[in-house]
Structures are given as C-alpha cells and as structure tokens.
Amino acid sequence: MKDPRLKPRAVRSPRGARVTEIEWGDGHKSIYPHAILRGYCPCAGCQGHSGEIRFIETTNDQQELDEISPVGGYAFALKWFDGHASGIYSFRFLRALCHCDECRSTEHGNPLPRL
C-alpha cells in the first residue's frame, strides 16, 4: 500500500491567494506560502544540475500561482503567472517542504527527506 502521507486528498489554491493548502491522505494539512513554493522550485533552470536544492529569492510578482496540474500519480506541475512552468513538485518533495511544527518535530520520526 502506498504511503498515505504522500497522497494528496485535496488541494486549495484560490486565485489571488498567496498560499496553497494540501490535505494529505493521513489527514495532515500543509500550508505552503507561494514564496516558499516558488523559492524552492525544483526545475533545472532554478536549481541547476547539482542535485542540491536551495532557496531562490523571488519577487512578489513571481509568487502568483496560475495553475496546478497533476503529473501522473506522483507530482504536481505548477504554472506561475509570470510564465514560469517547468517545476515538477513530487508529492514527497511537497511533503518535505511542509515546515509546520509537527513536520519539523523529530519526535514523529518522519522519514521523509528534509530540505
């Protein structure tokens, strides 16, 4: 059986909002500021080819999300209003981006990779 922590049940990202919410199969709700999603864009244009993920500062006009599309059963493609659309965010990557107190806690033994 697939890990329910990596299966989104609901995604909310109202037009004009500056956050996207994902409710996961285990009931956890992650809230992602668009500055974080765009700043950690995993595409090669943003991150290069080193395999290291680093935060890239963006401006407010680069942080408006236009569209979220599923990619297979493992990821979302995010398209931003400035036209940037090459980032494929795997569910594992998105879950690792959640930095709420529960996800940051080592008490829960979260085996998902940290950024």
PDB file of N, CA and C in Angstrom:
ATOM      1  N   MET A   1       0.838  -1.187   0.000  1.00  0.00           N
ATOM      2  CA  MET A   1       0.000   0.000   0.000  1.00  0.00           C
ATOM      3  C   MET A   1       0.884   1.252   0.000  1.00  0.00           C
ATOM      4  N   LYS A   2       0.484   2.232  -0.760  1.00  0.00           N
ATOM      5  CA  LYS A   2       1.245   3.473  -0.827  1.00  0.00           C
ATOM      6  C   LYS A   2       1.112   4.258   0.467  1.00  0.00           C
ATOM      7  N   ASP A   3       2.155   5.011   0.773  1.00  0.00           N
ATOM      8  CA  ASP A   3       2.196   5.818   1.981  1.00  0.00           C
ATOM      9  C   ASP A   3       1.139   6.927   1.901  1.00  0.00           C
ATOM     10  N   PRO A   4       0.154   6.958   2.824  1.00  0.00           N
ATOM     11  CA  PRO A   4      -0.894   7.982   2.776  1.00  0.00           C
ATOM     12  C   PRO A   4      -0.359   9.393   2.990  1.00  0.00           C
ATOM     13  N   ARG A   5       0.842   9.512   3.578  1.00  0.00           N
ATOM     14  CA  ARG A   5       1.437  10.840   3.765  1.00  0.00           C
ATOM     15  C   ARG A   5       1.817  11.468   2.431  1.00  0.00           C
ATOM     16  N   LEU A   6       1.895  10.645   1.388  1.00  0.00           N
ATOM     17  CA  LEU A   6       2.323  11.132   0.080  1.00  0.00           C
ATOM     18  C   LEU A   6       1.186  11.124  -0.934  1.00  0.00           C
ATOM     19  N   LYS A   7      -0.054  11.048  -0.465  1.00  0.00           N
ATOM     20  CA  LYS A   7      -1.211  11.051  -1.352  1.00  0.00           C
ATOM     21  C   LYS A   7      -2.092  12.243  -1.013  1.00  0.00           C
ATOM     22  N   PRO A   8      -2.114  13.255  -1.872  1.00  0.00           N
ATOM     23  CA  PRO A   8      -2.973  14.410  -1.592  1.00  0.00           C
ATOM     24  C   PRO A   8      -4.446  14.046  -1.771  1.00  0.00           C
ATOM     25  N   ARG A   9      -5.263  14.468  -0.805  1.00  0.00           N
ATOM     26  CA  ARG A   9      -6.721  14.259  -0.890  1.00  0.00           C
ATOM     27  C   ARG A   9      -7.412  15.497  -1.419  1.00  0.00           C
ATOM     28  N   ALA A  10      -6.878  16.664  -1.104  1.00  0.00           N
ATOM     29  CA  ALA A  10      -7.498  17.918  -1.539  1.00  0.00           C
ATOM     30  C   ALA A  10      -6.417  18.978  -1.681  1.00  0.00           C
ATOM     31  N   VAL A  11      -6.587  19.844  -2.684  1.00  0.00           N
ATOM     32  CA  VAL A  11      -5.677  20.960  -2.914  1.00  0.00           C
ATOM     33  C   VAL A  11      -6.528  22.213  -3.035  1.00  0.00           C
ATOM     34  N   ARG A  12      -6.161  23.232  -2.275  1.00  0.00           N
ATOM     35  CA  ARG A  12      -6.865  24.520  -2.331  1.00  0.00           C
ATOM     36  C   ARG A  12      -5.852  25.621  -2.614  1.00  0.00           C
ATOM     37  N   SER A  13      -6.110  26.341  -3.699  1.00  0.00           N
ATOM     38  CA  SER A  13      -5.237  27.456  -4.056  1.00  0.00           C
ATOM     39  C   SER A  13      -6.084  28.481  -4.799  1.00  0.00           C
ATOM     40  N   PRO A  14      -6.907  29.215  -4.055  1.00  0.00           N
ATOM     41  CA  PRO A  14      -7.800  30.182  -4.707  1.00  0.00           C
ATOM     42  C   PRO A  14      -7.021  31.240  -5.479  1.00  0.00           C
ATOM     43  N   ARG A  15      -7.564  31.637  -6.610  1.00  0.00           N
ATOM     44  CA  ARG A  15      -6.935  32.669  -7.432  1.00  0.00           C
ATOM     45  C   ARG A  15      -6.706  33.921  -6.590  1.00  0.00           C
ATOM     46  N   GLY A  16      -5.513  34.456  -6.668  1.00  0.00           N
ATOM     47  CA  GLY A  16      -5.158  35.645  -5.904  1.00  0.00           C
ATOM     48  C   GLY A  16      -4.620  35.355  -4.518  1.00  0.00           C
ATOM     49  N   ALA A  17      -4.758  34.129  -4.055  1.00  0.00           N
ATOM     50  CA  ALA A  17      -4.241  33.760  -2.732  1.00  0.00           C
ATOM     51  C   ALA A  17      -2.718  33.713  -2.775  1.00  0.00           C
ATOM     52  N   ARG A  18      -2.112  33.833  -1.650  1.00  0.00           N
ATOM     53  CA  ARG A  18      -0.648  33.755  -1.563  1.00  0.00           C
ATOM     54  C   ARG A  18      -0.191  32.481  -0.868  1.00  0.00           C
ATOM     55  N   VAL A  19      -1.130  31.541  -0.661  1.00  0.00           N
ATOM     56  CA  VAL A  19      -0.808  30.241  -0.087  1.00  0.00           C
ATOM     57  C   VAL A  19      -1.588  29.162  -0.818  1.00  0.00           C
ATOM     58  N   THR A  20      -1.033  27.960  -0.794  1.00  0.00           N
ATOM     59  CA  THR A  20      -1.707  26.769  -1.295  1.00  0.00           C
ATOM     60  C   THR A  20      -1.778  25.788  -0.144  1.00  0.00           C
ATOM     61  N   GLU A  21      -2.935  25.170   0.032  1.00  0.00           N
ATOM     62  CA  GLU A  21      -3.126  24.169   1.085  1.00  0.00           C
ATOM     63  C   GLU A  21      -3.274  22.801   0.441  1.00  0.00           C
ATOM     64  N   ILE A  22      -2.619  21.816   1.032  1.00  0.00           N
ATOM     65  CA  ILE A  22      -2.772  20.432   0.600  1.00  0.00           C
ATOM     66  C   ILE A  22      -3.164  19.614   1.817  1.00  0.00           C
ATOM     67  N   GLU A  23      -4.266  18.889   1.682  1.00  0.00           N
ATOM     68  CA  GLU A  23      -4.659  17.928   2.711  1.00  0.00           C
ATOM     69  C   GLU A  23      -4.201  16.560   2.232  1.00  0.00           C
ATOM     70  N   TRP A  24      -3.417  15.900   3.076  1.00  0.00           N
ATOM     71  CA  TRP A  24      -2.803  14.623   2.714  1.00  0.00           C
ATOM     72  C   TRP A  24      -3.651  13.438   3.179  1.00  0.00           C
ATOM     73  N   GLY A  25      -3.376  12.276   2.643  1.00  0.00           N
ATOM     74  CA  GLY A  25      -4.122  11.056   2.938  1.00  0.00           C
ATOM     75  C   GLY A  25      -4.098  10.643   4.393  1.00  0.00           C
ATOM     76  N   ASP A  26      -3.115  11.120   5.158  1.00  0.00           N
ATOM     77  CA  ASP A  26      -3.058  10.793   6.585  1.00  0.00           C
ATOM     78  C   ASP A  26      -3.785  11.833   7.432  1.00  0.00           C
ATOM     79  N   GLY A  27      -4.469  12.799   6.762  1.00  0.00           N
ATOM     80  CA  GLY A  27      -5.226  13.822   7.483  1.00  0.00           C
ATOM     81  C   GLY A  27      -4.449  15.093   7.760  1.00  0.00           C
ATOM     82  N   HIS A  28      -3.161  15.084   7.528  1.00  0.00           N
ATOM     83  CA  HIS A  28      -2.342  16.272   7.764  1.00  0.00           C
ATOM     84  C   HIS A  28      -2.668  17.340   6.730  1.00  0.00           C
ATOM     85  N   LYS A  29      -2.676  18.611   7.154  1.00  0.00           N
ATOM     86  CA  LYS A  29      -2.879  19.726   6.240  1.00  0.00           C
ATOM     87  C   LYS A  29      -1.609  20.562   6.216  1.00  0.00           C
ATOM     88  N   SER A  30      -1.038  20.706   5.029  1.00  0.00           N
ATOM     89  CA  SER A  30       0.147  21.538   4.839  1.00  0.00           C
ATOM     90  C   SER A  30      -0.275  22.848   4.197  1.00  0.00           C
ATOM     91  N   ILE A  31       0.292  23.939   4.682  1.00  0.00           N
ATOM     92  CA  ILE A  31       0.032  25.263   4.125  1.00  0.00           C
ATOM     93  C   ILE A  31       1.358  25.796   3.592  1.00  0.00           C
ATOM     94  N   TYR A  32       1.378  26.058   2.291  1.00  0.00           N
ATOM     95  CA  TYR A  32       2.591  26.485   1.612  1.00  0.00           C
ATOM     96  C   TYR A  32       2.470  27.933   1.139  1.00  0.00           C
ATOM     97  N   PRO A  33       3.209  28.850   1.724  1.00  0.00           N
ATOM     98  CA  PRO A  33       3.263  30.198   1.157  1.00  0.00           C
ATOM     99  C   PRO A  33       3.859  30.101  -0.251  1.00  0.00           C
ATOM    100  N   HIS A  34       3.319  30.872  -1.168  1.00  0.00           N
ATOM    101  CA  HIS A  34       3.817  30.813  -2.539  1.00  0.00           C
ATOM    102  C   HIS A  34       5.277  31.243  -2.643  1.00  0.00           C
ATOM    103  N   ALA A  35       5.724  32.087  -1.736  1.00  0.00           N
ATOM    104  CA  ALA A  35       7.141  32.463  -1.719  1.00  0.00           C
ATOM    105  C   ALA A  35       8.021  31.235  -1.504  1.00  0.00           C
ATOM    106  N   ILE A  36       7.561  30.291  -0.694  1.00  0.00           N
ATOM    107  CA  ILE A  36       8.313  29.058  -0.436  1.00  0.00           C
ATOM    108  C   ILE A  36       8.245  28.136  -1.653  1.00  0.00           C
ATOM    109  N   LEU A  37       7.031  27.941  -2.198  1.00  0.00           N
ATOM    110  CA  LEU A  37       6.902  27.064  -3.364  1.00  0.00           C
ATOM    111  C   LEU A  37       7.759  27.555  -4.527  1.00  0.00           C
ATOM    112  N   ARG A  38       7.689  28.837  -4.806  1.00  0.00           N
ATOM    113  CA  ARG A  38       8.460  29.377  -5.929  1.00  0.00           C
ATOM    114  C   ARG A  38       9.949  29.400  -5.591  1.00  0.00           C
ATOM    115  N   GLY A  39      10.277  29.736  -4.368  1.00  0.00           N
ATOM    116  CA  GLY A  39      11.676  29.794  -3.956  1.00  0.00           C
ATOM    117  C   GLY A  39      12.389  28.461  -4.005  1.00  0.00           C
ATOM    118  N   TYR A  40      11.648  27.375  -3.802  1.00  0.00           N
ATOM    119  CA  TYR A  40      12.231  26.035  -3.858  1.00  0.00           C
ATOM    120  C   TYR A  40      11.859  25.315  -5.144  1.00  0.00           C
ATOM    121  N   CYS A  41      11.530  26.063  -6.195  1.00  0.00           N
ATOM    122  CA  CYS A  41      11.191  25.437  -7.473  1.00  0.00           C
ATOM    123  C   CYS A  41      12.273  24.419  -7.833  1.00  0.00           C
ATOM    124  N   PRO A  42      11.882  23.165  -8.087  1.00  0.00           N
ATOM    125  CA  PRO A  42      12.885  22.126  -8.321  1.00  0.00           C
ATOM    126  C   PRO A  42      13.390  22.027  -9.761  1.00  0.00           C
ATOM    127  N   CYS A  43      12.960  22.905 -10.643  1.00  0.00           N
ATOM    128  CA  CYS A  43      13.377  22.776 -12.046  1.00  0.00           C
ATOM    129  C   CYS A  43      14.867  23.049 -12.207  1.00  0.00           C
ATOM    130  N   ALA A  44      15.444  22.533 -13.272  1.00  0.00           N
ATOM    131  CA  ALA A  44      16.872  22.713 -13.541  1.00  0.00           C
ATOM    132  C   ALA A  44      17.217  24.178 -13.780  1.00  0.00           C
ATOM    133  N   GLY A  45      16.279  24.953 -14.356  1.00  0.00           N
ATOM    134  CA  GLY A  45      16.535  26.370 -14.584  1.00  0.00           C
ATOM    135  C   GLY A  45      16.741  27.124 -13.287  1.00  0.00           C
ATOM    136  N   CYS A  46      16.028  26.730 -12.255  1.00  0.00           N
ATOM    137  CA  CYS A  46      16.158  27.388 -10.945  1.00  0.00           C
ATOM    138  C   CYS A  46      17.273  26.771 -10.099  1.00  0.00           C
ATOM    139  N   GLN A  47      17.396  25.462 -10.144  1.00  0.00           N
ATOM    140  CA  GLN A  47      18.309  24.766  -9.238  1.00  0.00           C
ATOM    141  C   GLN A  47      19.615  24.315  -9.873  1.00  0.00           C
ATOM    142  N   GLY A  48      19.699  24.355 -11.192  1.00  0.00           N
ATOM    143  CA  GLY A  48      20.901  23.836 -11.842  1.00  0.00           C
ATOM    144  C   GLY A  48      20.869  22.320 -11.865  1.00  0.00           C
ATOM    145  N   HIS A  49      22.017  21.712 -12.025  1.00  0.00           N
ATOM    146  CA  HIS A  49      22.089  20.254 -12.172  1.00  0.00           C
ATOM    147  C   HIS A  49      22.902  19.580 -11.076  1.00  0.00           C
ATOM    148  N   SER A  50      23.149  20.283  -9.983  1.00  0.00           N
ATOM    149  CA  SER A  50      23.991  19.729  -8.922  1.00  0.00           C
ATOM    150  C   SER A  50      23.262  18.708  -8.056  1.00  0.00           C
ATOM    151  N   GLY A  51      21.939  18.727  -8.078  1.00  0.00           N
ATOM    152  CA  GLY A  51      21.175  17.845  -7.206  1.00  0.00           C
ATOM    153  C   GLY A  51      20.876  18.483  -5.860  1.00  0.00           C
ATOM    154  N   GLU A  52      21.502  19.598  -5.571  1.00  0.00           N
ATOM    155  CA  GLU A  52      21.262  20.318  -4.322  1.00  0.00           C
ATOM    156  C   GLU A  52      20.099  21.286  -4.516  1.00  0.00           C
ATOM    157  N   ILE A  53      19.168  21.275  -3.587  1.00  0.00           N
ATOM    158  CA  ILE A  53      18.026  22.184  -3.645  1.00  0.00           C
ATOM    159  C   ILE A  53      18.303  23.355  -2.709  1.00  0.00           C
ATOM    160  N   ARG A  54      18.248  24.553  -3.257  1.00  0.00           N
ATOM    161  CA  ARG A  54      18.472  25.740  -2.435  1.00  0.00           C
ATOM    162  C   ARG A  54      17.332  26.724  -2.664  1.00  0.00           C
ATOM    163  N   PHE A  55      17.143  27.601  -1.714  1.00  0.00           N
ATOM    164  CA  PHE A  55      16.079  28.593  -1.800  1.00  0.00           C
ATOM    165  C   PHE A  55      16.548  29.751  -2.674  1.00  0.00           C
ATOM    166  N   ILE A  56      15.694  30.150  -3.629  1.00  0.00           N
ATOM    167  CA  ILE A  56      15.972  31.264  -4.528  1.00  0.00           C
ATOM    168  C   ILE A  56      14.986  32.386  -4.188  1.00  0.00           C
ATOM    169  N   GLU A  57      15.501  33.549  -3.852  1.00  0.00           N
ATOM    170  CA  GLU A  57      14.625  34.693  -3.569  1.00  0.00           C
ATOM    171  C   GLU A  57      13.836  35.066  -4.815  1.00  0.00           C
ATOM    172  N   THR A  58      12.570  35.385  -4.628  1.00  0.00           N
ATOM    173  CA  THR A  58      11.712  35.814  -5.728  1.00  0.00           C
ATOM    174  C   THR A  58      10.997  37.096  -5.322  1.00  0.00           C
ATOM    175  N   THR A  59      10.458  37.776  -6.306  1.00  0.00           N
ATOM    176  CA  THR A  59       9.705  38.997  -6.039  1.00  0.00           C
ATOM    177  C   THR A  59       8.222  38.658  -5.915  1.00  0.00           C
ATOM    178  N   ASN A  60       7.446  39.567  -5.346  1.00  0.00           N
ATOM    179  CA  ASN A  60       6.012  39.335  -5.172  1.00  0.00           C
ATOM    180  C   ASN A  60       5.312  39.009  -6.476  1.00  0.00           C
ATOM    181  N   ASP A  61       5.724  39.646  -7.578  1.00  0.00           N
ATOM    182  CA  ASP A  61       5.052  39.385  -8.848  1.00  0.00           C
ATOM    183  C   ASP A  61       5.406  38.017  -9.427  1.00  0.00           C
ATOM    184  N   GLN A  62       6.393  37.340  -8.874  1.00  0.00           N
ATOM    185  CA  GLN A  62       6.742  35.983  -9.298  1.00  0.00           C
ATOM    186  C   GLN A  62       6.047  34.927  -8.443  1.00  0.00           C
ATOM    187  N   GLN A  63       5.262  35.342  -7.468  1.00  0.00           N
ATOM    188  CA  GLN A  63       4.691  34.410  -6.498  1.00  0.00           C
ATOM    189  C   GLN A  63       3.199  34.197  -6.663  1.00  0.00           C
ATOM    190  N   GLU A  64       2.654  34.591  -7.808  1.00  0.00           N
ATOM    191  CA  GLU A  64       1.228  34.363  -8.028  1.00  0.00           C
ATOM    192  C   GLU A  64       1.057  33.114  -8.870  1.00  0.00           C
ATOM    193  N   LEU A  65       0.397  32.135  -8.302  1.00  0.00           N
ATOM    194  CA  LEU A  65       0.205  30.837  -8.937  1.00  0.00           C
ATOM    195  C   LEU A  65      -0.977  30.889  -9.888  1.00  0.00           C
ATOM    196  N   ASP A  66      -0.771  30.422 -11.108  1.00  0.00           N
ATOM    197  CA  ASP A  66      -1.804  30.427 -12.133  1.00  0.00           C
ATOM    198  C   ASP A  66      -2.535  29.092 -12.201  1.00  0.00           C
ATOM    199  N   GLU A  67      -1.791  27.990 -12.120  1.00  0.00           N
ATOM    200  CA  GLU A  67      -2.405  26.682 -12.352  1.00  0.00           C
ATOM    201  C   GLU A  67      -1.615  25.580 -11.654  1.00  0.00           C
ATOM    202  N   ILE A  68      -2.342  24.585 -11.170  1.00  0.00           N
ATOM    203  CA  ILE A  68      -1.739  23.374 -10.605  1.00  0.00           C
ATOM    204  C   ILE A  68      -2.302  22.204 -11.399  1.00  0.00           C
ATOM    205  N   SER A  69      -1.424  21.403 -11.979  1.00  0.00           N
ATOM    206  CA  SER A  69      -1.854  20.264 -12.787  1.00  0.00           C
ATOM    207  C   SER A  69      -1.203  18.990 -12.269  1.00  0.00           C
ATOM    208  N   PRO A  70      -1.963  17.892 -12.212  1.00  0.00           N
ATOM    209  CA  PRO A  70      -1.352  16.624 -11.794  1.00  0.00           C
ATOM    210  C   PRO A  70      -0.373  16.112 -12.856  1.00  0.00           C
ATOM    211  N   VAL A  71       0.675  15.470 -12.381  1.00  0.00           N
ATOM    212  CA  VAL A  71       1.648  14.802 -13.246  1.00  0.00           C
ATOM    213  C   VAL A  71       1.655  13.343 -12.805  1.00  0.00           C
ATOM    214  N   GLY A  72       1.065  12.482 -13.628  1.00  0.00           N
ATOM    215  CA  GLY A  72       0.958  11.084 -13.234  1.00  0.00           C
ATOM    216  C   GLY A  72       0.291  10.984 -11.878  1.00  0.00           C
ATOM    217  N   GLY A  73       0.693  10.046 -11.091  1.00  0.00           N
ATOM    218  CA  GLY A  73       0.166   9.893  -9.741  1.00  0.00           C
ATOM    219  C   GLY A  73       1.192  10.244  -8.696  1.00  0.00           C
ATOM    220  N   TYR A  74       2.190  11.085  -9.082  1.00  0.00           N
ATOM    221  CA  TYR A  74       3.293  11.321  -8.148  1.00  0.00           C
ATOM    222  C   TYR A  74       3.656  12.781  -7.929  1.00  0.00           C
ATOM    223  N   ALA A  75       3.063  13.713  -8.697  1.00  0.00           N
ATOM    224  CA  ALA A  75       3.539  15.099  -8.608  1.00  0.00           C
ATOM    225  C   ALA A  75       2.493  16.082  -9.113  1.00  0.00           C
ATOM    226  N   PHE A  76       2.798  17.369  -8.897  1.00  0.00           N
ATOM    227  CA  PHE A  76       2.045  18.471  -9.480  1.00  0.00           C
ATOM    228  C   PHE A  76       3.003  19.341 -10.282  1.00  0.00           C
ATOM    229  N   ALA A  77       2.514  19.844 -11.403  1.00  0.00           N
ATOM    230  CA  ALA A  77       3.237  20.868 -12.160  1.00  0.00           C
ATOM    231  C   ALA A  77       2.622  22.206 -11.764  1.00  0.00           C
ATOM    232  N   LEU A  78       3.447  23.159 -11.395  1.00  0.00           N
ATOM    233  CA  LEU A  78       2.966  24.484 -11.009  1.00  0.00           C
ATOM    234  C   LEU A  78       3.303  25.474 -12.111  1.00  0.00           C
ATOM    235  N   LYS A  79       2.304  26.220 -12.535  1.00  0.00           N
ATOM    236  CA  LYS A  79       2.495  27.274 -13.524  1.00  0.00           C
ATOM    237  C   LYS A  79       2.223  28.600 -12.834  1.00  0.00           C
ATOM    238  N   TRP A  80       3.169  29.521 -12.968  1.00  0.00           N
ATOM    239  CA  TRP A  80       3.097  30.818 -12.326  1.00  0.00           C
ATOM    240  C   TRP A  80       2.654  31.863 -13.341  1.00  0.00           C
ATOM    241  N   PHE A  81       2.058  32.953 -12.874  1.00  0.00           N
ATOM    242  CA  PHE A  81       1.546  33.983 -13.761  1.00  0.00           C
ATOM    243  C   PHE A  81       2.628  34.647 -14.608  1.00  0.00           C
ATOM    244  N   ASP A  82       3.881  34.613 -14.180  1.00  0.00           N
ATOM    245  CA  ASP A  82       4.945  35.214 -14.990  1.00  0.00           C
ATOM    246  C   ASP A  82       5.396  34.285 -16.119  1.00  0.00           C
ATOM    247  N   GLY A  83       4.726  33.118 -16.248  1.00  0.00           N
ATOM    248  CA  GLY A  83       5.028  32.182 -17.329  1.00  0.00           C
ATOM    249  C   GLY A  83       5.927  31.036 -16.933  1.00  0.00           C
ATOM    250  N   HIS A  84       6.559  31.103 -15.774  1.00  0.00           N
ATOM    251  CA  HIS A  84       7.436  30.008 -15.335  1.00  0.00           C
ATOM    252  C   HIS A  84       6.580  28.767 -15.077  1.00  0.00           C
ATOM    253  N   ALA A  85       6.924  27.656 -15.736  1.00  0.00           N
ATOM    254  CA  ALA A  85       6.078  26.466 -15.617  1.00  0.00           C
ATOM    255  C   ALA A  85       6.868  25.169 -15.721  1.00  0.00           C
ATOM    256  N   SER A  86       8.150  25.180 -15.439  1.00  0.00           N
ATOM    257  CA  SER A  86       8.938  23.964 -15.619  1.00  0.00           C
ATOM    258  C   SER A  86       9.177  23.176 -14.335  1.00  0.00           C
ATOM    259  N   GLY A  87       8.636  23.631 -13.218  1.00  0.00           N
ATOM    260  CA  GLY A  87       8.836  22.922 -11.951  1.00  0.00           C
ATOM    261  C   GLY A  87       7.843  21.792 -11.763  1.00  0.00           C
ATOM    262  N   ILE A  88       8.355  20.581 -11.572  1.00  0.00           N
ATOM    263  CA  ILE A  88       7.533  19.414 -11.252  1.00  0.00           C
ATOM    264  C   ILE A  88       7.800  19.102  -9.778  1.00  0.00           C
ATOM    265  N   TYR A  89       6.766  19.262  -8.951  1.00  0.00           N
ATOM    266  CA  TYR A  89       6.878  19.097  -7.500  1.00  0.00           C
ATOM    267  C   TYR A  89       6.331  17.731  -7.115  1.00  0.00           C
ATOM    268  N   SER A  90       7.214  16.781  -6.841  1.00  0.00           N
ATOM    269  CA  SER A  90       6.742  15.449  -6.429  1.00  0.00           C
ATOM    270  C   SER A  90       6.019  15.573  -5.092  1.00  0.00           C
ATOM    271  N   PHE A  91       5.136  14.639  -4.831  1.00  0.00           N
ATOM    272  CA  PHE A  91       4.406  14.658  -3.559  1.00  0.00           C
ATOM    273  C   PHE A  91       5.386  14.522  -2.398  1.00  0.00           C
ATOM    274  N   ARG A  92       6.416  13.710  -2.551  1.00  0.00           N
ATOM    275  CA  ARG A  92       7.437  13.552  -1.498  1.00  0.00           C
ATOM    276  C   ARG A  92       8.129  14.888  -1.237  1.00  0.00           C
ATOM    277  N   PHE A  93       8.484  15.593  -2.311  1.00  0.00           N
ATOM    278  CA  PHE A  93       9.140  16.897  -2.189  1.00  0.00           C
ATOM    279  C   PHE A  93       8.215  17.894  -1.493  1.00  0.00           C
ATOM    280  N   LEU A  94       6.939  17.920  -1.895  1.00  0.00           N
ATOM    281  CA  LEU A  94       5.986  18.844  -1.271  1.00  0.00           C
ATOM    282  C   LEU A  94       5.824  18.543   0.211  1.00  0.00           C
ATOM    283  N   ARG A  95       5.705  17.273   0.543  1.00  0.00           N
ATOM    284  CA  ARG A  95       5.534  16.925   1.962  1.00  0.00           C
ATOM    285  C   ARG A  95       6.763  17.334   2.756  1.00  0.00           C
ATOM    286  N   ALA A  96       7.939  17.196   2.148  1.00  0.00           N
ATOM    287  CA  ALA A  96       9.170  17.604   2.828  1.00  0.00           C
ATOM    288  C   ALA A  96       9.252  19.124   2.985  1.00  0.00           C
ATOM    289  N   LEU A  97       8.587  19.864   2.091  1.00  0.00           N
ATOM    290  CA  LEU A  97       8.574  21.323   2.197  1.00  0.00           C
ATOM    291  C   LEU A  97       7.702  21.828   3.343  1.00  0.00           C
ATOM    292  N   CYS A  98       6.823  20.985   3.859  1.00  0.00           N
ATOM    293  CA  CYS A  98       5.969  21.403   4.969  1.00  0.00           C
ATOM    294  C   CYS A  98       6.841  21.598   6.207  1.00  0.00           C
ATOM    295  N   HIS A  99       6.790  22.784   6.747  1.00  0.00           N
ATOM    296  CA  HIS A  99       7.613  23.088   7.917  1.00  0.00           C
ATOM    297  C   HIS A  99       6.775  23.476   9.120  1.00  0.00           C
ATOM    298  N   CYS A 100       5.587  22.889   9.210  1.00  0.00           N
ATOM    299  CA  CYS A 100       4.777  23.113  10.405  1.00  0.00           C
ATOM    300  C   CYS A 100       5.488  22.457  11.591  1.00  0.00           C
ATOM    301  N   ASP A 101       5.049  22.764  12.783  1.00  0.00           N
ATOM    302  CA  ASP A 101       5.690  22.225  13.982  1.00  0.00           C
ATOM    303  C   ASP A 101       5.697  20.696  13.983  1.00  0.00           C
ATOM    304  N   GLU A 102       4.593  20.090  13.558  1.00  0.00           N
ATOM    305  CA  GLU A 102       4.505  18.628  13.553  1.00  0.00           C
ATOM    306  C   GLU A 102       5.533  18.015  12.616  1.00  0.00           C
ATOM    307  N   CYS A 103       5.669  18.567  11.426  1.00  0.00           N
ATOM    308  CA  CYS A 103       6.600  18.002  10.444  1.00  0.00           C
ATOM    309  C   CYS A 103       8.053  18.262  10.804  1.00  0.00           C
ATOM    310  N   ARG A 104       8.324  19.358  11.495  1.00  0.00           N
ATOM    311  CA  ARG A 104       9.701  19.661  11.903  1.00  0.00           C
ATOM    312  C   ARG A 104      10.117  18.857  13.118  1.00  0.00           C
ATOM    313  N   SER A 105       9.159  18.314  13.832  1.00  0.00           N
ATOM    314  CA  SER A 105       9.445  17.596  15.066  1.00  0.00           C
ATOM    315  C   SER A 105      10.139  16.278  14.775  1.00  0.00           C
ATOM    316  N   THR A 106      11.207  16.004  15.496  1.00  0.00           N
ATOM    317  CA  THR A 106      11.877  14.721  15.342  1.00  0.00           C
ATOM    318  C   THR A 106      11.178  13.642  16.145  1.00  0.00           C
ATOM    319  N   GLU A 107      10.248  14.042  17.028  1.00  0.00           N
ATOM    320  CA  GLU A 107       9.520  13.060  17.831  1.00  0.00           C
ATOM    321  C   GLU A 107       8.662  12.143  16.965  1.00  0.00           C
ATOM    322  N   HIS A 108       8.217  12.641  15.823  1.00  0.00           N
ATOM    323  CA  HIS A 108       7.344  11.841  14.981  1.00  0.00           C
ATOM    324  C   HIS A 108       8.110  10.877  14.084  1.00  0.00           C
ATOM    325  N   GLY A 109       9.416  10.962  14.092  1.00  0.00           N
ATOM    326  CA  GLY A 109      10.212  10.027  13.318  1.00  0.00           C
ATOM    327  C   GLY A 109       9.903  10.104  11.834  1.00  0.00           C
ATOM    328  N   ASN A 110       9.629  11.286  11.319  1.00  0.00           N
ATOM    329  CA  ASN A 110       9.266  11.468   9.921  1.00  0.00           C
ATOM    330  C   ASN A 110      10.442  11.063   9.033  1.00  0.00           C
ATOM    331  N   PRO A 111      10.290   9.966   8.245  1.00  0.00           N
ATOM    332  CA  PRO A 111      11.396   9.510   7.407  1.00  0.00           C
ATOM    333  C   PRO A 111      11.509  10.263   6.085  1.00  0.00           C
ATOM    334  N   LEU A 112      10.638  11.226   5.865  1.00  0.00           N
ATOM    335  CA  LEU A 112      10.684  11.963   4.614  1.00  0.00           C
ATOM    336  C   LEU A 112      11.899  12.876   4.602  1.00  0.00           C
ATOM    337  N   PRO A 113      12.476  13.115   3.437  1.00  0.00           N
ATOM    338  CA  PRO A 113      13.682  13.951   3.380  1.00  0.00           C
ATOM    339  C   PRO A 113      13.405  15.386   3.783  1.00  0.00           C
ATOM    340  N   ARG A 114      14.338  15.983   4.459  1.00  0.00           N
ATOM    341  CA  ARG A 114      14.253  17.396   4.826  1.00  0.00           C
ATOM    342  C   ARG A 114      15.043  18.181   3.802  1.00  0.00           C
ATOM    343  N   LEU A 115      14.641  19.417   3.612  1.00  0.00           N
ATOM    344  CA  LEU A 115      15.355  20.266   2.660  1.00  0.00           C
ATOM    345  C   LEU A 115      16.412  21.058   3.397  1.00  0.00           C
TER     346      LEU A 115
END
